[in-house]
Amino acid sequence: MDSSPPSPGFAEFHRLVLEDPSLFAGLTGTAHPDAFVERVVAAGTARGCAFDGDQVRAALQAAQRAWFERHLP
């Protein structure tokens, strides 16, 4: 997976998700990772934010890696 910084579109969508509890809630509760990625891309597109599923997967992987690193002894 690509380790480049997220696109401006993805960064903007991330900001929107953090600022909008209803948007955040609409993205939670998706059990299957591919369905989650599709939902994120669709929600971003609906808000004029251009990014693709690979960028979402890379962000998820980076967040998971950061979480593990914070919790290692």
Protein backbone atom coordinates (compact mmCIF):
# COMPACT_ATOMS: atom_id res chain seq x y z
CA MET A 1 0.00 0.00 0.00
CA ASP A 2 1.01 3.55 -0.65
CA SER A 3 2.48 5.43 2.32
CA SER A 4 2.18 8.88 0.74
CA PRO A 5 0.24 11.59 2.54
CA PRO A 6 -3.54 11.54 2.09
CA SER A 7 -4.98 13.59 -0.74
CA PRO A 8 -6.47 17.00 0.04
CA GLY A 9 -9.89 15.48 -0.65
CA PHE A 10 -9.39 12.74 1.91
CA ALA A 11 -7.96 15.16 4.47
CA GLU A 12 -10.99 17.43 4.01
CA PHE A 13 -13.39 14.49 4.38
CA HIS A 14 -11.58 13.37 7.54
CA ARG A 15 -12.07 16.86 8.97
CA LEU A 16 -15.78 16.76 8.05
CA VAL A 17 -16.22 13.39 9.77
CA LEU A 18 -14.62 14.68 12.97
CA GLU A 19 -16.83 17.77 12.96
CA ASP A 20 -20.16 16.10 12.07
CA PRO A 21 -21.48 13.54 14.58
CA SER A 22 -24.23 12.38 12.20
CA LEU A 23 -21.71 11.73 9.41
CA PHE A 24 -19.48 9.87 11.87
CA ALA A 25 -22.45 7.79 13.06
CA GLY A 26 -23.39 6.97 9.48
CA LEU A 27 -19.98 5.46 8.87
CA THR A 28 -19.89 3.30 11.98
CA GLY A 29 -21.44 -0.11 12.33
CA THR A 30 -20.13 -1.51 9.05
CA ALA A 31 -18.72 -4.94 9.85
CA HIS A 32 -17.03 -5.76 6.55
CA PRO A 33 -13.93 -3.69 5.72
CA ASP A 34 -14.69 -3.49 1.98
CA ALA A 35 -18.23 -2.29 2.69
CA PHE A 36 -16.82 0.34 5.05
CA VAL A 37 -14.38 1.57 2.40
CA GLU A 38 -17.19 1.78 -0.17
CA ARG A 39 -19.36 3.72 2.29
CA VAL A 40 -16.53 6.17 3.05
CA VAL A 41 -15.78 6.78 -0.63
CA ALA A 42 -19.48 7.29 -1.41
CA ALA A 43 -19.93 9.70 1.51
CA GLY A 44 -16.84 11.62 0.45
CA THR A 45 -17.96 11.83 -3.16
CA ALA A 46 -21.39 13.09 -2.04
CA ARG A 47 -19.61 15.93 -0.22
CA GLY A 48 -17.31 16.84 -3.10
CA CYS A 49 -14.20 15.19 -1.66
CA ALA A 50 -12.18 13.26 -4.24
CA PHE A 51 -10.31 10.16 -3.04
CA ASP A 52 -10.40 6.44 -3.69
CA GLY A 53 -10.63 3.21 -1.75
CA ASP A 54 -6.86 2.72 -1.76
CA GLN A 55 -6.45 5.99 0.14
CA VAL A 56 -9.05 4.89 2.69
CA ARG A 57 -7.33 1.53 3.16
CA ALA A 58 -3.94 3.24 3.55
CA ALA A 59 -5.37 5.58 6.19
CA LEU A 60 -6.90 2.64 8.06
CA GLN A 61 -3.60 0.78 7.97
CA ALA A 62 -1.70 3.86 9.20
CA ALA A 63 -4.18 4.37 12.05
CA GLN A 64 -3.90 0.72 13.05
CA ARG A 65 -0.09 0.89 12.97
CA ALA A 66 -0.12 4.07 15.10
CA TRP A 67 -2.46 2.44 17.62
CA PHE A 68 -0.20 -0.59 17.96
CA GLU A 69 2.89 1.59 18.34
CA ARG A 70 1.24 3.61 21.12
CA HIS A 71 0.38 0.45 23.01
CA LEU A 72 3.68 -1.39 22.72
CA PRO A 73 5.79 -1.56 25.87
